[in-house]
Amino acid sequence: MDVKTCLQKLQYVGVLAFATVDEQGTPQVRNISAIHYEPDAIYFFTARGKNFCKELLADGRVQILGYTKYKEMIRLSTKAVPAPQDEQRKWMDTIFAEQPYLSNVYPGETKEIGIIFEIKDGEIEYFNLGVHPIFRQSYSIGEGTITPKGYEITDACTGCEICINNCPQNIIVSGQPFQIRQEHCLHCGNCMAVCSYNAVEKR
Protein backbone atom coordinates (compact mmCIF):
# COMPACT_ATOMS: atom_id res chain seq x y z
CA MET A 1 0.00 0.00 0.00
CA ASP A 2 1.16 3.54 -0.76
CA VAL A 3 -0.20 7.05 -1.37
CA LYS A 4 -0.86 6.42 -5.06
CA THR A 5 -2.87 3.28 -4.34
CA CYS A 6 -4.85 4.99 -1.58
CA LEU A 7 -5.79 7.84 -3.93
CA GLN A 8 -6.79 5.33 -6.62
CA LYS A 9 -9.04 3.55 -4.14
CA LEU A 10 -10.67 6.86 -3.17
CA GLN A 11 -11.27 7.51 -6.86
CA TYR A 12 -12.91 4.10 -7.25
CA VAL A 13 -15.19 4.80 -4.28
CA GLY A 14 -16.33 7.92 -6.13
CA VAL A 15 -18.55 9.66 -3.58
CA LEU A 16 -16.57 10.70 -0.51
CA ALA A 17 -17.60 12.13 2.85
CA PHE A 18 -16.07 15.55 3.54
CA ALA A 19 -16.10 16.67 7.19
CA THR A 20 -15.68 20.29 8.26
CA VAL A 21 -16.57 22.42 11.28
CA ASP A 22 -18.91 25.43 11.02
CA GLU A 23 -18.52 28.79 12.75
CA GLN A 24 -20.37 27.49 15.83
CA GLY A 25 -17.94 24.57 16.10
CA THR A 26 -20.57 22.06 14.96
CA PRO A 27 -19.32 19.15 12.82
CA GLN A 28 -20.66 19.12 9.26
CA VAL A 29 -20.43 16.24 6.76
CA ARG A 30 -21.21 16.27 3.02
CA ASN A 31 -20.95 13.70 0.26
CA ILE A 32 -18.88 15.06 -2.63
CA SER A 33 -18.33 13.45 -6.03
CA ALA A 34 -17.17 16.45 -8.11
CA ILE A 35 -13.53 15.48 -7.67
CA HIS A 36 -10.53 15.24 -9.99
CA TYR A 37 -7.40 13.28 -9.06
CA GLU A 38 -3.83 14.08 -10.04
CA PRO A 39 -0.81 12.00 -8.94
CA ASP A 40 0.12 14.63 -6.35
CA ALA A 41 -3.12 16.55 -5.75
CA ILE A 42 -6.90 16.45 -5.52
CA TYR A 43 -9.23 19.10 -6.96
CA PHE A 44 -12.93 19.46 -6.16
CA PHE A 45 -15.82 21.76 -7.04
CA THR A 46 -18.46 23.43 -4.90
CA ALA A 47 -20.68 26.50 -5.22
CA ARG A 48 -19.51 29.71 -3.56
CA GLY A 49 -22.83 30.26 -1.79
CA LYS A 50 -22.81 26.94 0.03
CA ASN A 51 -21.96 26.75 3.72
CA PHE A 52 -19.42 24.09 2.77
CA CYS A 53 -17.52 26.66 0.72
CA LYS A 54 -17.71 29.26 3.48
CA GLU A 55 -16.32 26.80 6.02
CA LEU A 56 -13.43 25.90 3.73
CA LEU A 57 -12.61 29.54 3.06
CA ALA A 58 -12.77 30.41 6.75
CA ASP A 59 -10.70 27.51 8.04
CA GLY A 60 -9.74 25.06 5.31
CA ARG A 61 -9.30 22.03 7.50
CA VAL A 62 -11.16 19.01 6.22
CA GLN A 63 -11.22 15.25 6.65
CA ILE A 64 -12.17 13.13 3.67
CA LEU A 65 -13.36 9.57 4.14
CA GLY A 66 -13.89 6.71 1.72
CA TYR A 67 -14.93 3.13 2.51
CA THR A 68 -14.53 0.29 0.01
CA LYS A 69 -16.54 -2.90 -0.39
CA TYR A 70 -13.44 -4.75 0.84
CA LYS A 71 -13.80 -3.17 4.33
CA GLU A 72 -11.02 -0.66 3.70
CA MET A 73 -11.25 2.78 5.31
CA ILE A 74 -9.17 5.56 3.78
CA ARG A 75 -9.11 8.90 5.59
CA LEU A 76 -7.35 12.02 4.34
CA SER A 77 -6.71 14.75 6.91
CA THR A 78 -5.71 17.93 5.15
CA LYS A 79 -6.31 21.58 4.39
CA ALA A 80 -8.14 22.64 1.24
CA VAL A 81 -7.31 25.96 -0.39
CA PRO A 82 -8.71 27.66 -3.52
CA ALA A 83 -6.82 26.62 -6.61
CA PRO A 84 -4.81 29.46 -8.21
CA GLN A 85 -7.04 31.85 -10.13
CA ASP A 86 -5.33 31.12 -13.44
CA GLU A 87 -6.06 27.39 -12.97
CA GLN A 88 -9.70 27.65 -11.91
CA ARG A 89 -11.11 27.32 -15.44
CA LYS A 90 -8.85 24.38 -16.34
CA TRP A 91 -9.82 22.28 -13.31
CA MET A 92 -13.48 23.28 -13.55
CA ASP A 93 -13.67 22.16 -17.18
CA THR A 94 -11.83 18.94 -16.28
CA ILE A 95 -14.21 18.08 -13.43
CA PHE A 96 -17.32 18.86 -15.50
CA ALA A 97 -16.00 16.68 -18.34
CA GLU A 98 -15.35 13.79 -15.96
CA GLN A 99 -18.68 14.20 -14.13
CA PRO A 100 -21.33 14.89 -16.83
CA TYR A 101 -24.17 15.04 -14.26
CA LEU A 102 -22.78 18.38 -13.06
CA SER A 103 -24.00 20.03 -16.26
CA ASN A 104 -27.54 19.17 -15.19
CA VAL A 105 -26.97 20.72 -11.77
CA TYR A 106 -25.11 23.78 -13.05
CA PRO A 107 -26.13 24.21 -16.74
CA GLY A 108 -24.34 26.61 -19.05
CA GLU A 109 -22.55 29.48 -17.42
CA THR A 110 -24.14 28.87 -14.01
CA LYS A 111 -21.10 26.77 -13.17
CA GLU A 112 -19.27 30.09 -12.79
CA ILE A 113 -20.84 30.39 -9.33
CA GLY A 114 -18.50 27.58 -8.33
CA ILE A 115 -14.97 27.47 -7.04
CA ILE A 116 -12.26 24.82 -7.29
CA PHE A 117 -10.36 23.84 -4.17
CA GLU A 118 -7.09 21.96 -4.21
CA ILE A 119 -5.41 19.59 -1.79
CA LYS A 120 -1.68 19.02 -2.06
CA ASP A 121 -0.53 18.31 1.51
CA GLY A 122 -1.96 16.02 4.15
CA GLU A 123 -1.98 12.68 5.93
CA ILE A 124 -3.67 9.52 4.64
CA GLU A 125 -4.69 6.78 7.05
CA TYR A 126 -5.39 3.37 5.54
CA PHE A 127 -7.30 0.86 7.68
CA ASN A 128 -8.29 -2.61 6.43
CA LEU A 129 -10.80 -4.54 8.55
CA GLY A 130 -11.15 -7.24 5.89
CA VAL A 131 -7.94 -9.07 6.81
CA HIS A 132 -6.69 -10.77 9.98
CA PRO A 133 -4.97 -9.34 11.74
CA ILE A 134 -6.29 -5.99 10.61
CA PHE A 135 -3.84 -3.75 8.76
CA ARG A 136 -3.31 -0.02 9.09
CA GLN A 137 -0.70 2.44 7.89
CA SER A 138 -0.30 6.20 7.53
CA TYR A 139 1.22 8.09 4.61
CA SER A 140 2.04 11.73 3.97
CA ILE A 141 1.12 13.72 0.86
CA GLY A 142 3.33 16.62 -0.15
CA GLU A 143 4.41 18.44 2.99
CA GLY A 144 1.87 16.70 5.21
CA THR A 145 3.01 15.15 8.49
CA ILE A 146 2.05 11.85 10.11
CA THR A 147 0.59 12.04 13.61
CA PRO A 148 1.52 9.04 15.80
CA LYS A 149 -1.58 7.25 17.14
CA GLY A 150 -2.33 4.16 19.14
CA TYR A 151 -0.45 2.77 22.12
CA GLU A 152 3.03 1.65 23.08
CA ILE A 153 4.47 -0.39 25.92
CA THR A 154 7.11 1.29 28.08
CA ASP A 155 10.02 -0.01 30.14
CA ALA A 156 7.64 -0.35 33.09
CA CYS A 157 6.52 -3.63 31.48
CA THR A 158 7.05 -6.64 33.78
CA GLY A 159 6.28 -9.30 31.17
CA CYS A 160 3.15 -10.50 32.94
CA GLU A 161 1.45 -11.17 29.57
CA ILE A 162 -1.97 -9.82 30.55
CA CYS A 163 -1.87 -7.48 27.54
CA ILE A 164 -1.06 -10.38 25.20
CA ASN A 165 -3.96 -12.38 26.57
CA ASN A 166 -6.40 -9.50 26.14
CA CYS A 167 -5.43 -8.13 22.72
CA PRO A 168 -8.33 -8.70 20.28
CA GLN A 169 -5.92 -9.08 17.35
CA ASN A 170 -3.16 -11.00 19.19
CA ILE A 171 -0.50 -8.64 17.89
CA ILE A 172 1.55 -7.99 21.05
CA VAL A 173 4.88 -9.83 21.10
CA SER A 174 7.17 -10.71 23.99
CA GLY A 175 10.29 -8.68 24.57
CA GLN A 176 11.82 -6.21 26.98
CA PRO A 177 9.50 -4.42 26.97
CA PHE A 178 6.72 -6.16 25.05
CA GLN A 179 6.02 -4.68 21.63
CA ILE A 180 2.77 -3.78 19.86
CA ARG A 181 2.86 -4.49 16.12
CA GLN A 182 1.61 -1.04 15.18
CA GLU A 183 0.58 -1.94 11.62
CA HIS A 184 -1.99 -4.37 13.03
CA CYS A 185 -3.18 -2.42 16.08
CA LEU A 186 -6.90 -1.63 16.44
CA HIS A 187 -6.16 1.35 18.72
CA CYS A 188 -8.84 -0.06 21.03
CA GLY A 189 -6.81 0.68 24.18
CA ASN A 190 -7.57 -2.64 25.87
CA CYS A 191 -3.87 -3.25 26.56
CA MET A 192 -3.71 -0.03 28.57
CA ALA A 193 -6.99 -0.78 30.33
CA VAL A 194 -5.88 -4.20 31.61
CA CYS A 195 -2.25 -3.37 32.48
CA SER A 196 -1.79 -3.39 36.26
CA TYR A 197 1.60 -1.66 36.03
CA ASN A 198 0.67 1.41 33.98
CA ALA A 199 3.19 0.25 31.40
CA VAL A 200 1.06 1.16 28.37
CA GLU A 201 0.84 4.74 27.13
CA LYS A 202 -0.94 6.51 24.29
CA ARG A 203 1.46 7.46 21.53
C-alpha atoms as a PDB file:
ATOM      1  CA  MET A   1       0.000   0.000   0.000  1.00  0.00           C
ATOM      2  CA  ASP A   2       1.162   3.537  -0.756  1.00  0.00           C
ATOM      3  CA  VAL A   3      -0.200   7.049  -1.367  1.00  0.00           C
ATOM      4  CA  LYS A   4      -0.857   6.419  -5.063  1.00  0.00           C
ATOM      5  CA  THR A   5      -2.868   3.276  -4.338  1.00  0.00           C
ATOM      6  CA  CYS A   6      -4.848   4.986  -1.584  1.00  0.00           C
ATOM      7  CA  LEU A   7      -5.791   7.840  -3.931  1.00  0.00           C
ATOM      8  CA  GLN A   8      -6.788   5.333  -6.620  1.00  0.00           C
ATOM      9  CA  LYS A   9      -9.037   3.552  -4.138  1.00  0.00           C
ATOM     10  CA  LEU A  10     -10.675   6.856  -3.171  1.00  0.00           C
ATOM     11  CA  GLN A  11     -11.273   7.511  -6.864  1.00  0.00           C
ATOM     12  CA  TYR A  12     -12.912   4.098  -7.252  1.00  0.00           C
ATOM     13  CA  VAL A  13     -15.187   4.798  -4.284  1.00  0.00           C
ATOM     14  CA  GLY A  14     -16.331   7.921  -6.129  1.00  0.00           C
ATOM     15  CA  VAL A  15     -18.550   9.659  -3.580  1.00  0.00           C
ATOM     16  CA  LEU A  16     -16.567  10.696  -0.514  1.00  0.00           C
ATOM     17  CA  ALA A  17     -17.604  12.128   2.846  1.00  0.00           C
ATOM     18  CA  PHE A  18     -16.072  15.550   3.539  1.00  0.00           C
ATOM     19  CA  ALA A  19     -16.104  16.666   7.192  1.00  0.00           C
ATOM     20  CA  THR A  20     -15.684  20.288   8.256  1.00  0.00           C
ATOM     21  CA  VAL A  21     -16.572  22.420  11.278  1.00  0.00           C
ATOM     22  CA  ASP A  22     -18.907  25.428  11.021  1.00  0.00           C
ATOM     23  CA  GLU A  23     -18.523  28.788  12.750  1.00  0.00           C
ATOM     24  CA  GLN A  24     -20.370  27.491  15.828  1.00  0.00           C
ATOM     25  CA  GLY A  25     -17.941  24.568  16.098  1.00  0.00           C
ATOM     26  CA  THR A  26     -20.571  22.062  14.960  1.00  0.00           C
ATOM     27  CA  PRO A  27     -19.320  19.145  12.816  1.00  0.00           C
ATOM     28  CA  GLN A  28     -20.658  19.119   9.261  1.00  0.00           C
ATOM     29  CA  VAL A  29     -20.433  16.244   6.763  1.00  0.00           C
ATOM     30  CA  ARG A  30     -21.213  16.271   3.016  1.00  0.00           C
ATOM     31  CA  ASN A  31     -20.949  13.701   0.255  1.00  0.00           C
ATOM     32  CA  ILE A  32     -18.881  15.056  -2.635  1.00  0.00           C
ATOM     33  CA  SER A  33     -18.335  13.454  -6.034  1.00  0.00           C
ATOM     34  CA  ALA A  34     -17.173  16.453  -8.107  1.00  0.00           C
ATOM     35  CA  ILE A  35     -13.532  15.475  -7.665  1.00  0.00           C
ATOM     36  CA  HIS A  36     -10.527  15.235  -9.987  1.00  0.00           C
ATOM     37  CA  TYR A  37      -7.403  13.275  -9.062  1.00  0.00           C
ATOM     38  CA  GLU A  38      -3.829  14.083 -10.036  1.00  0.00           C
ATOM     39  CA  PRO A  39      -0.812  11.998  -8.939  1.00  0.00           C
ATOM     40  CA  ASP A  40       0.118  14.628  -6.347  1.00  0.00           C
ATOM     41  CA  ALA A  41      -3.119  16.554  -5.753  1.00  0.00           C
ATOM     42  CA  ILE A  42      -6.903  16.447  -5.523  1.00  0.00           C
ATOM     43  CA  TYR A  43      -9.232  19.100  -6.961  1.00  0.00           C
ATOM     44  CA  PHE A  44     -12.928  19.456  -6.156  1.00  0.00           C
ATOM     45  CA  PHE A  45     -15.817  21.757  -7.040  1.00  0.00           C
ATOM     46  CA  THR A  46     -18.457  23.432  -4.896  1.00  0.00           C
ATOM     47  CA  ALA A  47     -20.681  26.502  -5.220  1.00  0.00           C
ATOM     48  CA  ARG A  48     -19.510  29.707  -3.556  1.00  0.00           C
ATOM     49  CA  GLY A  49     -22.825  30.264  -1.792  1.00  0.00           C
ATOM     50  CA  LYS A  50     -22.809  26.937   0.029  1.00  0.00           C
ATOM     51  CA  ASN A  51     -21.957  26.748   3.722  1.00  0.00           C
ATOM     52  CA  PHE A  52     -19.422  24.093   2.767  1.00  0.00           C
ATOM     53  CA  CYS A  53     -17.520  26.662   0.720  1.00  0.00           C
ATOM     54  CA  LYS A  54     -17.710  29.264   3.481  1.00  0.00           C
ATOM     55  CA  GLU A  55     -16.320  26.803   6.016  1.00  0.00           C
ATOM     56  CA  LEU A  56     -13.433  25.901   3.733  1.00  0.00           C
ATOM     57  CA  LEU A  57     -12.606  29.542   3.057  1.00  0.00           C
ATOM     58  CA  ALA A  58     -12.770  30.415   6.749  1.00  0.00           C
ATOM     59  CA  ASP A  59     -10.702  27.507   8.037  1.00  0.00           C
ATOM     60  CA  GLY A  60      -9.740  25.063   5.305  1.00  0.00           C
ATOM     61  CA  ARG A  61      -9.296  22.025   7.501  1.00  0.00           C
ATOM     62  CA  VAL A  62     -11.156  19.007   6.220  1.00  0.00           C
ATOM     63  CA  GLN A  63     -11.225  15.251   6.651  1.00  0.00           C
ATOM     64  CA  ILE A  64     -12.173  13.128   3.670  1.00  0.00           C
ATOM     65  CA  LEU A  65     -13.365   9.569   4.135  1.00  0.00           C
ATOM     66  CA  GLY A  66     -13.889   6.706   1.720  1.00  0.00           C
ATOM     67  CA  TYR A  67     -14.935   3.127   2.505  1.00  0.00           C
ATOM     68  CA  THR A  68     -14.534   0.293   0.006  1.00  0.00           C
ATOM     69  CA  LYS A  69     -16.539  -2.899  -0.394  1.00  0.00           C
ATOM     70  CA  TYR A  70     -13.444  -4.749   0.839  1.00  0.00           C
ATOM     71  CA  LYS A  71     -13.795  -3.166   4.326  1.00  0.00           C
ATOM     72  CA  GLU A  72     -11.018  -0.661   3.698  1.00  0.00           C
ATOM     73  CA  MET A  73     -11.248   2.776   5.308  1.00  0.00           C
ATOM     74  CA  ILE A  74      -9.165   5.561   3.776  1.00  0.00           C
ATOM     75  CA  ARG A  75      -9.115   8.896   5.586  1.00  0.00           C
ATOM     76  CA  LEU A  76      -7.349  12.016   4.338  1.00  0.00           C
ATOM     77  CA  SER A  77      -6.713  14.755   6.907  1.00  0.00           C
ATOM     78  CA  THR A  78      -5.710  17.928   5.151  1.00  0.00           C
ATOM     79  CA  LYS A  79      -6.307  21.584   4.390  1.00  0.00           C
ATOM     80  CA  ALA A  80      -8.141  22.641   1.241  1.00  0.00           C
ATOM     81  CA  VAL A  81      -7.312  25.957  -0.391  1.00  0.00           C
ATOM     82  CA  PRO A  82      -8.710  27.656  -3.517  1.00  0.00           C
ATOM     83  CA  ALA A  83      -6.816  26.615  -6.615  1.00  0.00           C
ATOM     84  CA  PRO A  84      -4.807  29.462  -8.206  1.00  0.00           C
ATOM     85  CA  GLN A  85      -7.041  31.847 -10.135  1.00  0.00           C
ATOM     86  CA  ASP A  86      -5.325  31.123 -13.435  1.00  0.00           C
ATOM     87  CA  GLU A  87      -6.059  27.393 -12.969  1.00  0.00           C
ATOM     88  CA  GLN A  88      -9.699  27.651 -11.912  1.00  0.00           C
ATOM     89  CA  ARG A  89     -11.107  27.323 -15.435  1.00  0.00           C
ATOM     90  CA  LYS A  90      -8.850  24.378 -16.340  1.00  0.00           C
ATOM     91  CA  TRP A  91      -9.824  22.280 -13.314  1.00  0.00           C
ATOM     92  CA  MET A  92     -13.482  23.279 -13.553  1.00  0.00           C
ATOM     93  CA  ASP A  93     -13.667  22.160 -17.184  1.00  0.00           C
ATOM     94  CA  THR A  94     -11.828  18.939 -16.279  1.00  0.00           C
ATOM     95  CA  ILE A  95     -14.213  18.076 -13.435  1.00  0.00           C
ATOM     96  CA  PHE A  96     -17.322  18.855 -15.499  1.00  0.00           C
ATOM     97  CA  ALA A  97     -16.000  16.677 -18.340  1.00  0.00           C
ATOM     98  CA  GLU A  98     -15.349  13.788 -15.957  1.00  0.00           C
ATOM     99  CA  GLN A  99     -18.677  14.204 -14.130  1.00  0.00           C
ATOM    100  CA  PRO A 100     -21.329  14.887 -16.832  1.00  0.00           C
ATOM    101  CA  TYR A 101     -24.166  15.038 -14.261  1.00  0.00           C
ATOM    102  CA  LEU A 102     -22.776  18.377 -13.064  1.00  0.00           C
ATOM    103  CA  SER A 103     -23.999  20.032 -16.260  1.00  0.00           C
ATOM    104  CA  ASN A 104     -27.545  19.170 -15.189  1.00  0.00           C
ATOM    105  CA  VAL A 105     -26.973  20.719 -11.767  1.00  0.00           C
ATOM    106  CA  TYR A 106     -25.109  23.783 -13.052  1.00  0.00           C
ATOM    107  CA  PRO A 107     -26.128  24.211 -16.737  1.00  0.00           C
ATOM    108  CA  GLY A 108     -24.344  26.612 -19.054  1.00  0.00           C
ATOM    109  CA  GLU A 109     -22.547  29.481 -17.416  1.00  0.00           C
ATOM    110  CA  THR A 110     -24.140  28.871 -14.015  1.00  0.00           C
ATOM    111  CA  LYS A 111     -21.096  26.770 -13.167  1.00  0.00           C
ATOM    112  CA  GLU A 112     -19.271  30.094 -12.790  1.00  0.00           C
ATOM    113  CA  ILE A 113     -20.839  30.392  -9.333  1.00  0.00           C
ATOM    114  CA  GLY A 114     -18.505  27.576  -8.328  1.00  0.00           C
ATOM    115  CA  ILE A 115     -14.973  27.465  -7.036  1.00  0.00           C
ATOM    116  CA  ILE A 116     -12.264  24.820  -7.295  1.00  0.00           C
ATOM    117  CA  PHE A 117     -10.365  23.845  -4.166  1.00  0.00           C
ATOM    118  CA  GLU A 118      -7.090  21.963  -4.215  1.00  0.00           C
ATOM    119  CA  ILE A 119      -5.410  19.595  -1.789  1.00  0.00           C
ATOM    120  CA  LYS A 120      -1.675  19.015  -2.057  1.00  0.00           C
ATOM    121  CA  ASP A 121      -0.525  18.314   1.507  1.00  0.00           C
ATOM    122  CA  GLY A 122      -1.959  16.021   4.152  1.00  0.00           C
ATOM    123  CA  GLU A 123      -1.983  12.678   5.927  1.00  0.00           C
ATOM    124  CA  ILE A 124      -3.665   9.521   4.644  1.00  0.00           C
ATOM    125  CA  GLU A 125      -4.691   6.779   7.052  1.00  0.00           C
ATOM    126  CA  TYR A 126      -5.389   3.368   5.541  1.00  0.00           C
ATOM    127  CA  PHE A 127      -7.304   0.857   7.681  1.00  0.00           C
ATOM    128  CA  ASN A 128      -8.290  -2.607   6.430  1.00  0.00           C
ATOM    129  CA  LEU A 129     -10.802  -4.542   8.546  1.00  0.00           C
ATOM    130  CA  GLY A 130     -11.147  -7.244   5.889  1.00  0.00           C
ATOM    131  CA  VAL A 131      -7.936  -9.065   6.811  1.00  0.00           C
ATOM    132  CA  HIS A 132      -6.689 -10.769   9.977  1.00  0.00           C
ATOM    133  CA  PRO A 133      -4.967  -9.338  11.745  1.00  0.00           C
ATOM    134  CA  ILE A 134      -6.286  -5.993  10.612  1.00  0.00           C
ATOM    135  CA  PHE A 135      -3.839  -3.749   8.761  1.00  0.00           C
ATOM    136  CA  ARG A 136      -3.309  -0.023   9.094  1.00  0.00           C
ATOM    137  CA  GLN A 137      -0.702   2.436   7.887  1.00  0.00           C
ATOM    138  CA  SER A 138      -0.304   6.198   7.528  1.00  0.00           C
ATOM    139  CA  TYR A 139       1.225   8.090   4.605  1.00  0.00           C
ATOM    140  CA  SER A 140       2.036  11.735   3.969  1.00  0.00           C
ATOM    141  CA  ILE A 141       1.121  13.719   0.862  1.00  0.00           C
ATOM    142  CA  GLY A 142       3.328  16.624  -0.148  1.00  0.00           C
ATOM    143  CA  GLU A 143       4.410  18.444   2.988  1.00  0.00           C
ATOM    144  CA  GLY A 144       1.873  16.700   5.208  1.00  0.00           C
ATOM    145  CA  THR A 145       3.008  15.147   8.489  1.00  0.00           C
ATOM    146  CA  ILE A 146       2.052  11.854  10.110  1.00  0.00           C
ATOM    147  CA  THR A 147       0.585  12.042  13.610  1.00  0.00           C
ATOM    148  CA  PRO A 148       1.516   9.043  15.800  1.00  0.00           C
ATOM    149  CA  LYS A 149      -1.577   7.255  17.139  1.00  0.00           C
ATOM    150  CA  GLY A 150      -2.333   4.163  19.138  1.00  0.00           C
ATOM    151  CA  TYR A 151      -0.449   2.771  22.121  1.00  0.00           C
ATOM    152  CA  GLU A 152       3.032   1.647  23.079  1.00  0.00           C
ATOM    153  CA  ILE A 153       4.472  -0.386  25.919  1.00  0.00           C
ATOM    154  CA  THR A 154       7.109   1.292  28.081  1.00  0.00           C
ATOM    155  CA  ASP A 155      10.024  -0.007  30.139  1.00  0.00           C
ATOM    156  CA  ALA A 156       7.643  -0.346  33.092  1.00  0.00           C
ATOM    157  CA  CYS A 157       6.517  -3.629  31.484  1.00  0.00           C
ATOM    158  CA  THR A 158       7.053  -6.643  33.779  1.00  0.00           C
ATOM    159  CA  GLY A 159       6.281  -9.301  31.172  1.00  0.00           C
ATOM    160  CA  CYS A 160       3.146 -10.505  32.935  1.00  0.00           C
ATOM    161  CA  GLU A 161       1.448 -11.171  29.565  1.00  0.00           C
ATOM    162  CA  ILE A 162      -1.966  -9.824  30.549  1.00  0.00           C
ATOM    163  CA  CYS A 163      -1.870  -7.483  27.544  1.00  0.00           C
ATOM    164  CA  ILE A 164      -1.058 -10.380  25.201  1.00  0.00           C
ATOM    165  CA  ASN A 165      -3.959 -12.383  26.571  1.00  0.00           C
ATOM    166  CA  ASN A 166      -6.404  -9.502  26.144  1.00  0.00           C
ATOM    167  CA  CYS A 167      -5.428  -8.131  22.723  1.00  0.00           C
ATOM    168  CA  PRO A 168      -8.331  -8.697  20.285  1.00  0.00           C
ATOM    169  CA  GLN A 169      -5.923  -9.077  17.348  1.00  0.00           C
ATOM    170  CA  ASN A 170      -3.157 -11.003  19.187  1.00  0.00           C
ATOM    171  CA  ILE A 171      -0.501  -8.639  17.888  1.00  0.00           C
ATOM    172  CA  ILE A 172       1.555  -7.993  21.054  1.00  0.00           C
ATOM    173  CA  VAL A 173       4.881  -9.830  21.102  1.00  0.00           C
ATOM    174  CA  SER A 174       7.170 -10.709  23.990  1.00  0.00           C
ATOM    175  CA  GLY A 175      10.289  -8.675  24.575  1.00  0.00           C
ATOM    176  CA  GLN A 176      11.818  -6.212  26.981  1.00  0.00           C
ATOM    177  CA  PRO A 177       9.501  -4.417  26.968  1.00  0.00           C
ATOM    178  CA  PHE A 178       6.715  -6.164  25.053  1.00  0.00           C
ATOM    179  CA  GLN A 179       6.023  -4.676  21.629  1.00  0.00           C
ATOM    180  CA  ILE A 180       2.771  -3.777  19.855  1.00  0.00           C
ATOM    181  CA  ARG A 181       2.861  -4.486  16.123  1.00  0.00           C
ATOM    182  CA  GLN A 182       1.614  -1.044  15.182  1.00  0.00           C
ATOM    183  CA  GLU A 183       0.585  -1.935  11.618  1.00  0.00           C
ATOM    184  CA  HIS A 184      -1.994  -4.370  13.025  1.00  0.00           C
ATOM    185  CA  CYS A 185      -3.183  -2.415  16.075  1.00  0.00           C
ATOM    186  CA  LEU A 186      -6.902  -1.626  16.445  1.00  0.00           C
ATOM    187  CA  HIS A 187      -6.157   1.353  18.716  1.00  0.00           C
ATOM    188  CA  CYS A 188      -8.840  -0.064  21.029  1.00  0.00           C
ATOM    189  CA  GLY A 189      -6.814   0.681  24.177  1.00  0.00           C
ATOM    190  CA  ASN A 190      -7.573  -2.637  25.873  1.00  0.00           C
ATOM    191  CA  CYS A 191      -3.873  -3.250  26.562  1.00  0.00           C
ATOM    192  CA  MET A 192      -3.705  -0.034  28.573  1.00  0.00           C
ATOM    193  CA  ALA A 193      -6.990  -0.780  30.333  1.00  0.00           C
ATOM    194  CA  VAL A 194      -5.882  -4.205  31.610  1.00  0.00           C
ATOM    195  CA  CYS A 195      -2.250  -3.367  32.478  1.00  0.00           C
ATOM    196  CA  SER A 196      -1.788  -3.391  36.264  1.00  0.00           C
ATOM    197  CA  TYR A 197       1.597  -1.662  36.030  1.00  0.00           C
ATOM    198  CA  ASN A 198       0.665   1.410  33.980  1.00  0.00           C
ATOM    199  CA  ALA A 199       3.191   0.245  31.403  1.00  0.00           C
ATOM    200  CA  VAL A 200       1.065   1.156  28.368  1.00  0.00           C
ATOM    201  CA  GLU A 201       0.843   4.744  27.133  1.00  0.00           C
ATOM    202  CA  LYS A 202      -0.937   6.507  24.294  1.00  0.00           C
ATOM    203  CA  ARG A 203       1.463   7.464  21.528  1.00  0.00           C
END
